[in-house]
C-alpha cells in the first residue's frame, strides 16, 4: 500500500532536518517544515542509539499510534519528522501521545479546540 502522507525518501527527511523548525523534549525531537502540499506528511526516525530493534520498533509503534490519534486535530501543509529518543521506549501509549501533542502544540500545528481550520 502506497501512503502519500508518508515521508519516504532520504531527501525529504534531509529537507525537513535542514529547513524545518526543531522542537524537542526528553522523549522526542520533531522537525516541522511548511510545504505547498495539501497534506500532512509524516516521517519517523529512531536511531540505533535508542536500543536494539525491539525497543526501536516499540518507539516507532508508539509514535505511529500517537500520530494516528492526533492527526485529525492537526493542520495540513506540513512535513513532520519525529525522532524517537532513548527514554521514549519506556513510555506508555498515553504518555507518548501527550508528549507529542505537547511538541505539536509548541510547533503551532495542532488546532486548538476553539479554532476552526
N, C-alpha and C. Protein backbone atom coordinates (compact mmCIF):
# COMPACT_ATOMS: atom_id res chain seq x y z
N UNK A 1 0.84 -1.20 0.00
CA UNK A 1 0.00 0.00 0.00
C UNK A 1 0.88 1.26 0.00
N UNK A 2 0.71 2.09 -0.97
CA UNK A 2 1.48 3.33 -1.07
C UNK A 2 0.78 4.41 -0.25
N UNK A 3 1.46 4.97 0.72
CA UNK A 3 0.87 6.03 1.54
C UNK A 3 1.45 7.37 1.14
N UNK A 4 0.67 8.21 0.49
CA UNK A 4 1.18 9.51 0.03
C UNK A 4 1.50 10.46 1.19
N UNK A 5 1.00 10.15 2.37
CA UNK A 5 1.20 11.03 3.52
C UNK A 5 2.42 10.66 4.35
N UNK A 6 3.25 9.77 3.79
CA UNK A 6 4.46 9.36 4.50
C UNK A 6 5.69 9.92 3.81
N UNK A 7 6.64 10.37 4.60
CA UNK A 7 7.94 10.76 4.04
C UNK A 7 8.74 9.48 3.89
N UNK A 8 9.27 9.24 2.71
CA UNK A 8 10.00 8.00 2.49
C UNK A 8 11.44 8.23 2.05
N UNK A 9 11.63 9.22 1.19
CA UNK A 9 12.95 9.43 0.61
C UNK A 9 13.88 10.15 1.58
N UNK A 10 15.15 9.79 1.49
CA UNK A 10 16.16 10.43 2.33
C UNK A 10 16.15 11.95 2.12
N UNK A 11 15.97 12.36 0.86
CA UNK A 11 15.99 13.79 0.56
C UNK A 11 14.85 14.54 1.26
N UNK A 12 13.70 13.87 1.41
CA UNK A 12 12.56 14.51 2.10
C UNK A 12 12.89 14.71 3.58
N UNK A 13 13.53 13.70 4.17
CA UNK A 13 13.94 13.81 5.57
C UNK A 13 14.99 14.91 5.72
N UNK A 14 15.98 14.91 4.82
CA UNK A 14 17.06 15.90 4.87
C UNK A 14 16.51 17.32 4.78
N UNK A 15 15.53 17.52 3.89
CA UNK A 15 14.93 18.84 3.73
C UNK A 15 14.29 19.28 5.05
N UNK A 16 13.59 18.37 5.70
CA UNK A 16 12.95 18.70 6.98
C UNK A 16 14.01 19.02 8.04
N UNK A 17 15.09 18.23 8.07
CA UNK A 17 16.15 18.49 9.06
C UNK A 17 16.81 19.84 8.83
N UNK A 18 17.10 20.14 7.56
CA UNK A 18 17.86 21.35 7.28
C UNK A 18 17.02 22.62 7.29
N UNK A 19 15.80 22.54 6.79
CA UNK A 19 14.99 23.76 6.65
C UNK A 19 13.85 23.87 7.65
N UNK A 20 13.57 22.78 8.35
CA UNK A 20 12.43 22.79 9.27
C UNK A 20 12.77 23.40 10.61
N UNK A 21 11.74 23.76 11.37
CA UNK A 21 11.93 24.24 12.74
C UNK A 21 12.03 23.01 13.63
N UNK A 22 12.87 23.10 14.65
CA UNK A 22 13.13 21.96 15.52
C UNK A 22 12.53 22.21 16.90
N UNK A 23 11.82 21.22 17.42
CA UNK A 23 11.25 21.29 18.77
C UNK A 23 11.59 19.98 19.46
N UNK A 24 11.83 20.01 20.76
CA UNK A 24 12.20 18.76 21.42
C UNK A 24 11.77 18.73 22.87
N UNK A 25 11.71 17.51 23.40
CA UNK A 25 11.56 17.28 24.83
C UNK A 25 12.39 16.04 25.17
N UNK A 26 12.20 15.48 26.35
CA UNK A 26 13.02 14.33 26.77
C UNK A 26 12.91 13.16 25.80
N UNK A 27 11.71 12.94 25.26
CA UNK A 27 11.44 11.71 24.52
C UNK A 27 11.51 11.82 23.01
N UNK A 28 11.22 13.00 22.50
CA UNK A 28 11.14 13.15 21.05
C UNK A 28 11.76 14.46 20.57
N UNK A 29 12.17 14.46 19.32
CA UNK A 29 12.56 15.69 18.63
C UNK A 29 11.68 15.73 17.40
N UNK A 30 11.07 16.87 17.10
CA UNK A 30 10.31 16.95 15.86
C UNK A 30 10.87 18.07 14.99
N UNK A 31 10.82 17.83 13.70
CA UNK A 31 11.20 18.83 12.71
C UNK A 31 9.94 19.13 11.91
N UNK A 32 9.58 20.40 11.82
CA UNK A 32 8.35 20.79 11.13
C UNK A 32 8.70 21.74 9.99
N UNK A 33 8.29 21.36 8.80
CA UNK A 33 8.58 22.16 7.62
C UNK A 33 7.28 22.48 6.89
N UNK A 34 7.04 23.77 6.67
CA UNK A 34 5.84 24.19 5.93
C UNK A 34 6.03 23.81 4.46
N UNK A 35 5.00 23.21 3.86
CA UNK A 35 5.09 22.81 2.45
C UNK A 35 3.92 23.38 1.67
N UNK A 36 3.99 23.20 0.35
CA UNK A 36 2.89 23.66 -0.51
C UNK A 36 1.88 22.54 -0.75
N UNK A 37 2.16 21.35 -0.19
CA UNK A 37 1.24 20.23 -0.39
C UNK A 37 -0.02 20.44 0.42
N UNK A 38 -1.11 19.89 -0.07
CA UNK A 38 -2.36 19.98 0.66
C UNK A 38 -2.51 18.73 1.52
N UNK A 39 -1.44 18.41 2.25
CA UNK A 39 -1.44 17.20 3.07
C UNK A 39 -0.49 17.39 4.24
N UNK A 40 -0.66 16.54 5.23
CA UNK A 40 0.26 16.50 6.36
C UNK A 40 1.09 15.25 6.15
N UNK A 41 2.37 15.45 5.83
CA UNK A 41 3.23 14.29 5.58
C UNK A 41 4.07 14.04 6.81
N UNK A 42 4.37 12.76 7.04
CA UNK A 42 4.91 12.35 8.32
C UNK A 42 6.01 11.33 8.15
N UNK A 43 7.10 11.48 8.91
CA UNK A 43 8.18 10.50 8.87
C UNK A 43 8.67 10.21 10.28
N UNK A 44 9.21 9.02 10.47
CA UNK A 44 9.70 8.60 11.79
C UNK A 44 11.16 8.17 11.67
N UNK A 45 11.97 8.59 12.61
CA UNK A 45 13.36 8.14 12.67
C UNK A 45 13.64 7.69 14.09
N UNK A 46 14.22 6.51 14.23
CA UNK A 46 14.66 6.05 15.54
C UNK A 46 16.04 5.44 15.31
N UNK A 47 17.07 6.05 15.90
CA UNK A 47 18.43 5.58 15.61
C UNK A 47 18.79 4.37 16.46
N UNK A 48 19.88 3.74 16.08
CA UNK A 48 20.34 2.55 16.80
C UNK A 48 20.80 2.88 18.21
N UNK A 49 21.07 4.18 18.46
CA UNK A 49 21.45 4.58 19.81
C UNK A 49 20.31 4.34 20.80
N UNK A 50 19.08 4.30 20.26
CA UNK A 50 17.89 4.13 21.10
C UNK A 50 17.85 2.75 21.73
N UNK A 51 18.44 1.77 21.07
CA UNK A 51 18.43 0.42 21.62
C UNK A 51 18.36 -0.61 20.52
N UNK A 52 18.13 -1.84 20.92
CA UNK A 52 18.01 -2.92 19.95
C UNK A 52 16.70 -2.79 19.19
N UNK A 53 16.52 -3.62 18.17
CA UNK A 53 15.36 -3.49 17.27
C UNK A 53 14.02 -3.54 18.02
N UNK A 54 13.95 -4.32 19.09
CA UNK A 54 12.69 -4.42 19.84
C UNK A 54 12.30 -3.05 20.40
N UNK A 55 13.26 -2.38 21.03
CA UNK A 55 12.97 -1.04 21.58
C UNK A 55 12.67 -0.05 20.46
N UNK A 56 13.48 -0.09 19.40
CA UNK A 56 13.27 0.86 18.30
C UNK A 56 11.88 0.68 17.69
N UNK A 57 11.49 -0.56 17.47
CA UNK A 57 10.18 -0.81 16.87
C UNK A 57 9.06 -0.40 17.80
N UNK A 58 9.25 -0.57 19.10
CA UNK A 58 8.23 -0.14 20.06
C UNK A 58 8.06 1.38 20.00
N UNK A 59 9.19 2.09 19.94
CA UNK A 59 9.13 3.56 19.86
C UNK A 59 8.40 3.96 18.58
N UNK A 60 8.71 3.29 17.46
CA UNK A 60 8.05 3.62 16.19
C UNK A 60 6.55 3.37 16.28
N UNK A 61 6.16 2.26 16.92
CA UNK A 61 4.73 1.97 17.07
C UNK A 61 4.04 3.02 17.92
N UNK A 62 4.71 3.43 19.01
CA UNK A 62 4.14 4.48 19.88
C UNK A 62 3.94 5.78 19.10
N UNK A 63 4.95 6.15 18.32
CA UNK A 63 4.87 7.39 17.54
C UNK A 63 3.74 7.28 16.51
N UNK A 64 3.71 6.16 15.80
CA UNK A 64 2.69 5.97 14.76
C UNK A 64 1.28 6.05 15.34
N UNK A 65 1.07 5.36 16.47
CA UNK A 65 -0.25 5.35 17.09
C UNK A 65 -0.62 6.73 17.63
N UNK A 66 0.33 7.41 18.25
CA UNK A 66 0.06 8.76 18.78
C UNK A 66 -0.31 9.69 17.63
N UNK A 67 0.44 9.57 16.54
CA UNK A 67 0.17 10.42 15.38
C UNK A 67 -1.22 10.13 14.81
N UNK A 68 -1.58 8.85 14.76
CA UNK A 68 -2.89 8.45 14.23
C UNK A 68 -4.00 9.12 15.06
N UNK A 69 -3.81 9.12 16.39
CA UNK A 69 -4.81 9.72 17.28
C UNK A 69 -4.87 11.24 17.13
N UNK A 70 -3.69 11.86 16.96
CA UNK A 70 -3.62 13.32 16.93
C UNK A 70 -3.91 13.93 15.56
N UNK A 71 -3.75 13.12 14.53
CA UNK A 71 -3.84 13.62 13.15
C UNK A 71 -5.10 14.45 12.85
N UNK A 72 -6.30 14.03 13.28
CA UNK A 72 -7.49 14.85 12.98
C UNK A 72 -7.42 16.26 13.55
N UNK A 73 -6.61 16.45 14.58
CA UNK A 73 -6.50 17.77 15.22
C UNK A 73 -5.35 18.59 14.68
N UNK A 74 -4.69 18.11 13.62
CA UNK A 74 -3.50 18.80 13.12
C UNK A 74 -3.75 19.55 11.82
N UNK A 75 -2.98 20.62 11.64
CA UNK A 75 -3.08 21.42 10.41
C UNK A 75 -2.40 20.69 9.26
N UNK A 76 -2.90 20.93 8.04
CA UNK A 76 -2.26 20.31 6.88
C UNK A 76 -1.29 21.29 6.24
N UNK A 77 -0.46 20.78 5.32
CA UNK A 77 0.51 21.64 4.66
C UNK A 77 1.87 21.63 5.34
N UNK A 78 2.16 20.55 6.04
CA UNK A 78 3.45 20.44 6.75
C UNK A 78 4.07 19.07 6.53
N UNK A 79 5.39 19.04 6.56
CA UNK A 79 6.13 17.79 6.67
C UNK A 79 6.60 17.73 8.12
N UNK A 80 6.35 16.62 8.77
CA UNK A 80 6.74 16.46 10.16
C UNK A 80 7.61 15.21 10.28
N UNK A 81 8.81 15.37 10.83
CA UNK A 81 9.67 14.21 11.10
C UNK A 81 9.78 14.10 12.62
N UNK A 82 9.44 12.92 13.13
CA UNK A 82 9.54 12.67 14.57
C UNK A 82 10.73 11.76 14.80
N UNK A 83 11.63 12.20 15.68
CA UNK A 83 12.80 11.39 16.03
C UNK A 83 12.58 10.87 17.44
N UNK A 84 12.57 9.54 17.58
CA UNK A 84 12.39 8.93 18.90
C UNK A 84 13.72 8.92 19.64
N UNK A 85 13.68 9.29 20.92
CA UNK A 85 14.89 9.25 21.74
C UNK A 85 14.81 8.06 22.69
N UNK A 86 15.93 7.72 23.31
CA UNK A 86 16.01 6.54 24.16
C UNK A 86 14.93 6.45 25.24
N UNK A 87 14.66 7.52 26.03
CA UNK A 87 13.65 7.39 27.10
C UNK A 87 12.25 7.07 26.57
N UNK A 88 11.99 7.31 25.31
CA UNK A 88 10.66 7.08 24.74
C UNK A 88 10.27 5.61 24.79
N UNK A 89 11.25 4.71 24.82
CA UNK A 89 10.92 3.28 24.82
C UNK A 89 10.26 2.85 26.13
N UNK A 90 10.32 3.68 27.15
CA UNK A 90 9.70 3.34 28.44
C UNK A 90 8.35 4.01 28.65
N UNK A 91 7.86 4.72 27.66
CA UNK A 91 6.59 5.43 27.80
C UNK A 91 5.40 4.51 27.57
N UNK A 92 4.27 4.88 28.17
CA UNK A 92 3.01 4.22 27.82
C UNK A 92 2.49 4.94 26.58
N UNK A 93 1.46 4.38 25.99
CA UNK A 93 0.88 4.99 24.79
C UNK A 93 0.35 6.40 25.11
N UNK A 94 -0.31 6.54 26.26
CA UNK A 94 -0.87 7.85 26.64
C UNK A 94 0.24 8.87 26.87
N UNK A 95 1.32 8.45 27.52
CA UNK A 95 2.43 9.37 27.78
C UNK A 95 3.07 9.83 26.48
N UNK A 96 3.25 8.89 25.55
CA UNK A 96 3.84 9.22 24.26
C UNK A 96 2.95 10.21 23.52
N UNK A 97 1.64 9.95 23.56
CA UNK A 97 0.71 10.83 22.86
C UNK A 97 0.73 12.24 23.45
N UNK A 98 0.76 12.34 24.78
CA UNK A 98 0.74 13.68 25.36
C UNK A 98 2.07 14.40 25.14
N UNK A 99 3.19 13.65 25.13
CA UNK A 99 4.50 14.26 24.85
C UNK A 99 4.53 14.81 23.42
N UNK A 100 3.99 14.04 22.49
CA UNK A 100 3.96 14.50 21.09
C UNK A 100 2.97 15.66 20.92
N UNK A 101 1.81 15.56 21.56
CA UNK A 101 0.81 16.63 21.46
C UNK A 101 1.42 17.94 21.95
N UNK A 102 2.20 17.84 23.02
CA UNK A 102 2.85 19.00 23.59
C UNK A 102 3.80 19.65 22.58
N UNK A 103 4.58 18.81 21.88
CA UNK A 103 5.52 19.33 20.87
C UNK A 103 4.76 19.92 19.68
N UNK A 104 3.71 19.24 19.24
CA UNK A 104 2.92 19.75 18.11
C UNK A 104 2.30 21.10 18.48
N UNK A 105 1.89 21.23 19.76
CA UNK A 105 1.33 22.48 20.25
C UNK A 105 2.40 23.58 20.17
N UNK A 106 3.62 23.26 20.62
CA UNK A 106 4.74 24.22 20.57
C UNK A 106 5.00 24.66 19.14
N UNK A 107 4.89 23.70 18.21
CA UNK A 107 5.17 23.97 16.80
C UNK A 107 3.99 24.68 16.13
N UNK A 108 2.90 24.84 16.86
CA UNK A 108 1.69 25.51 16.34
C UNK A 108 1.09 24.78 15.15
N UNK A 109 1.16 23.44 15.15
CA UNK A 109 0.49 22.70 14.07
C UNK A 109 -0.69 21.89 14.61
N UNK A 110 -0.98 22.08 15.89
CA UNK A 110 -2.14 21.43 16.48
C UNK A 110 -3.26 22.47 16.52
N UNK A 111 -4.41 22.08 16.04
CA UNK A 111 -5.55 23.01 16.04
C UNK A 111 -6.16 23.02 17.43
N UNK A 112 -6.29 24.19 18.00
CA UNK A 112 -6.89 24.28 19.33
C UNK A 112 -8.39 24.03 19.22
N UNK A 113 -8.98 23.60 20.33
CA UNK A 113 -10.40 23.24 20.37
C UNK A 113 -11.32 24.31 19.78
N UNK A 114 -11.08 25.58 20.14
CA UNK A 114 -11.97 26.65 19.71
C UNK A 114 -11.61 27.25 18.35
N UNK A 115 -10.63 26.66 17.70
CA UNK A 115 -10.15 27.22 16.43
C UNK A 115 -10.62 26.33 15.27
N UNK A 116 -11.12 26.93 14.22
CA UNK A 116 -11.53 26.16 13.04
C UNK A 116 -10.41 26.11 12.03
N UNK A 117 -10.53 25.21 11.05
CA UNK A 117 -9.48 25.08 10.01
C UNK A 117 -9.25 26.39 9.30
